């Protein structure tokens, strides 16, 4: 009889662990996140110049943007009660394609961060974009008047390369892909 008395807490404990493990396993599932890509907001010094870079040098397509009222901006904590407009750019045409949202604040420009290298400042440091053809991607970058930071770096022994380019404000864009 005592054997069952001690076994019951063990069985209940194992059941609780299994339930907790199952509950912990639901974090991050598709049900919790209907869109599994992350949109990134980028404050820029010149929104037109940045939009042209991301469209022409990288290959984003512009979607309809939106305005944020000064009340919403302040009440949500986005900024100090300054109205602003957001331009939305998308990389691809899938429903969950990566989007960047660019905006500028000419009346109260932000401080430029040190983005010489990815370890120069804390916080978000770079965007990684996979390309299907590094050669074509670099041709597009150069045609748009930008240039890679250095020559493409071969990853491993295969035909896969990493190249860094910088947007007009110096933000780092990492391009990854094969040369064709």
Protein backbone atom coordinates (compact mmCIF):
# COMPACT_ATOMS: atom_id res chain seq x y z
CA UNK A 1 0.00 0.00 0.00
CA UNK A 2 2.77 2.46 0.85
CA UNK A 3 4.35 1.67 -2.51
CA UNK A 4 1.29 3.15 -4.29
CA UNK A 5 1.19 6.07 -1.92
CA UNK A 6 4.70 7.14 -2.97
CA UNK A 7 4.10 6.24 -6.61
CA UNK A 8 1.06 8.52 -6.94
CA UNK A 9 3.02 11.76 -6.40
CA UNK A 10 5.63 10.51 -8.87
CA UNK A 11 2.94 9.78 -11.49
CA UNK A 12 1.29 13.15 -10.89
CA UNK A 13 4.71 14.83 -11.04
CA UNK A 14 5.51 13.16 -14.37
CA UNK A 15 2.10 14.14 -15.72
CA UNK A 16 2.66 17.74 -14.62
CA UNK A 17 6.09 17.76 -16.27
CA UNK A 18 4.59 16.38 -19.49
CA UNK A 19 1.83 19.02 -19.44
CA UNK A 20 4.31 21.80 -18.75
CA UNK A 21 6.63 20.56 -21.48
CA UNK A 22 3.68 20.49 -23.87
CA UNK A 23 2.68 24.00 -22.88
CA UNK A 24 6.26 25.23 -23.19
CA UNK A 25 6.43 23.68 -26.63
CA UNK A 26 3.54 25.83 -27.88
CA UNK A 27 5.49 29.06 -27.56
CA UNK A 28 6.53 30.25 -30.98
CA UNK A 29 4.21 28.00 -32.93
CA UNK A 30 2.37 29.18 -36.01
CA UNK A 31 -0.79 29.52 -33.88
CA UNK A 32 0.89 32.04 -31.62
CA UNK A 33 2.39 34.01 -34.50
CA UNK A 34 0.22 34.24 -37.62
CA UNK A 35 3.07 36.04 -39.39
CA UNK A 36 6.45 34.48 -38.64
CA UNK A 37 8.59 37.16 -40.25
CA UNK A 38 9.52 40.35 -38.47
CA UNK A 39 8.94 43.80 -39.94
CA UNK A 40 11.78 46.20 -39.20
CA UNK A 41 11.38 49.95 -38.71
CA UNK A 42 14.31 52.12 -39.75
CA UNK A 43 14.57 55.81 -38.91
CA UNK A 44 16.55 57.51 -41.67
CA UNK A 45 17.89 60.99 -42.31
CA UNK A 46 16.34 61.23 -45.79
CA UNK A 47 13.38 58.96 -46.51
CA UNK A 48 13.42 59.54 -50.27
CA UNK A 49 17.11 58.71 -50.56
CA UNK A 50 16.67 55.62 -48.37
CA UNK A 51 13.62 54.45 -50.36
CA UNK A 52 15.55 54.74 -53.62
CA UNK A 53 18.45 52.76 -52.13
CA UNK A 54 16.30 49.92 -50.80
CA UNK A 55 14.30 49.73 -54.04
CA UNK A 56 17.07 50.19 -56.60
CA UNK A 57 20.17 48.80 -54.88
CA UNK A 58 18.60 45.95 -52.91
CA UNK A 59 15.41 45.10 -54.80
CA UNK A 60 12.55 45.94 -52.42
CA UNK A 61 9.17 46.95 -53.83
CA UNK A 62 7.22 49.80 -52.29
CA UNK A 63 3.73 49.23 -50.91
CA UNK A 64 1.24 51.74 -49.60
CA UNK A 65 2.55 53.47 -46.53
CA UNK A 66 0.69 55.06 -43.66
CA UNK A 67 0.66 58.10 -41.42
CA UNK A 68 0.97 58.12 -37.65
CA UNK A 69 -0.74 60.99 -35.85
CA UNK A 70 1.12 62.88 -33.16
CA UNK A 71 -1.43 61.63 -30.60
CA UNK A 72 -0.89 57.98 -31.52
CA UNK A 73 2.89 58.49 -31.69
CA UNK A 74 2.99 59.94 -28.19
CA UNK A 75 0.28 57.85 -26.56
CA UNK A 76 1.93 54.59 -27.69
CA UNK A 77 5.46 55.72 -26.80
CA UNK A 78 6.77 55.58 -30.38
CA UNK A 79 8.06 59.15 -30.17
CA UNK A 80 7.49 62.43 -28.39
CA UNK A 81 4.19 63.47 -29.97
CA UNK A 82 5.52 64.03 -33.48
CA UNK A 83 3.37 63.01 -36.44
CA UNK A 84 5.22 61.06 -39.11
CA UNK A 85 4.74 59.08 -42.29
CA UNK A 86 5.93 55.53 -42.84
CA UNK A 87 6.98 54.14 -46.21
CA UNK A 88 6.64 50.38 -46.45
CA UNK A 89 8.91 48.28 -48.64
CA UNK A 90 8.62 44.53 -49.16
CA UNK A 91 11.10 41.90 -50.29
CA UNK A 92 9.08 39.49 -52.42
CA UNK A 93 5.40 38.96 -53.02
CA UNK A 94 4.57 36.23 -50.51
CA UNK A 95 2.08 37.10 -47.75
CA UNK A 96 4.82 36.83 -45.09
CA UNK A 97 7.58 38.53 -47.08
CA UNK A 98 10.01 40.68 -45.13
CA UNK A 99 8.97 44.32 -44.82
CA UNK A 100 10.92 47.34 -43.77
CA UNK A 101 9.24 50.52 -42.66
CA UNK A 102 11.28 53.67 -43.20
CA UNK A 103 10.55 57.07 -41.72
CA UNK A 104 12.29 60.35 -41.05
CA UNK A 105 11.85 63.10 -38.47
CA UNK A 106 13.23 66.30 -40.06
CA UNK A 107 12.11 68.56 -37.18
CA UNK A 108 13.83 66.37 -34.59
CA UNK A 109 16.44 64.18 -36.25
CA UNK A 110 17.81 61.30 -34.24
CA UNK A 111 21.42 60.78 -33.28
CA UNK A 112 23.52 58.80 -35.71
CA UNK A 113 24.80 55.55 -34.21
CA UNK A 114 28.28 54.22 -34.76
CA UNK A 115 27.68 51.52 -37.36
CA UNK A 116 31.18 51.22 -38.74
CA UNK A 117 31.13 47.57 -37.66
CA UNK A 118 28.37 45.39 -36.23
CA UNK A 119 30.00 45.52 -32.79
CA UNK A 120 30.37 49.32 -32.75
CA UNK A 121 27.00 49.97 -31.04
CA UNK A 122 24.50 48.00 -29.03
CA UNK A 123 21.14 47.17 -30.56
CA UNK A 124 20.09 46.01 -33.99
CA UNK A 125 23.18 46.05 -36.17
CA UNK A 126 22.35 44.73 -39.62
CA UNK A 127 19.80 43.16 -41.93
CA UNK A 128 20.54 39.84 -43.64
CA UNK A 129 19.06 39.35 -47.10
CA UNK A 130 19.42 36.10 -49.01
CA UNK A 131 19.95 36.54 -52.75
CA UNK A 132 19.74 33.90 -55.46
CA UNK A 133 22.62 35.44 -57.45
CA UNK A 134 25.33 37.46 -55.70
CA UNK A 135 26.77 38.66 -59.01
CA UNK A 136 23.41 40.10 -60.12
CA UNK A 137 22.80 41.57 -56.64
CA UNK A 138 26.15 43.41 -56.71
CA UNK A 139 25.49 44.66 -60.23
CA UNK A 140 22.17 46.11 -59.00
CA UNK A 141 23.93 47.69 -55.98
CA UNK A 142 26.60 49.30 -58.16
CA UNK A 143 24.07 50.44 -60.81
CA UNK A 144 22.22 52.23 -58.00
CA UNK A 145 25.42 54.10 -57.10
CA UNK A 146 26.32 52.12 -53.98
CA UNK A 147 29.26 49.79 -53.46
CA UNK A 148 30.05 46.75 -51.36
CA UNK A 149 32.12 47.39 -48.23
CA UNK A 150 34.61 44.74 -49.42
CA UNK A 151 34.76 42.06 -52.07
CA UNK A 152 32.38 39.09 -51.54
CA UNK A 153 33.70 36.69 -48.90
CA UNK A 154 33.45 32.99 -49.75
CA UNK A 155 31.81 30.97 -46.99
CA UNK A 156 33.37 27.53 -46.75
CA UNK A 157 34.52 25.78 -49.90
CA UNK A 158 31.30 26.05 -51.89
CA UNK A 159 29.80 28.76 -54.05
CA UNK A 160 28.18 30.73 -51.23
CA UNK A 161 29.24 34.30 -50.46
CA UNK A 162 28.69 37.09 -47.95
CA UNK A 163 28.87 40.74 -48.97
CA UNK A 164 28.14 43.86 -46.94
CA UNK A 165 26.68 47.06 -48.36
CA UNK A 166 25.56 50.16 -46.49
CA UNK A 167 22.43 52.25 -46.95
CA UNK A 168 22.67 56.07 -47.21
CA UNK A 169 22.80 56.38 -43.39
CA UNK A 170 25.50 53.72 -43.08
CA UNK A 171 23.25 50.90 -41.87
CA UNK A 172 24.75 47.53 -42.76
CA UNK A 173 22.96 45.19 -45.17
CA UNK A 174 24.41 41.67 -45.35
CA UNK A 175 23.79 39.89 -48.65
CA UNK A 176 24.16 36.08 -48.70
CA UNK A 177 24.04 33.84 -51.74
CA UNK A 178 25.81 32.05 -54.56
CA UNK A 179 27.63 33.66 -57.44
CA UNK A 180 26.27 32.74 -60.87
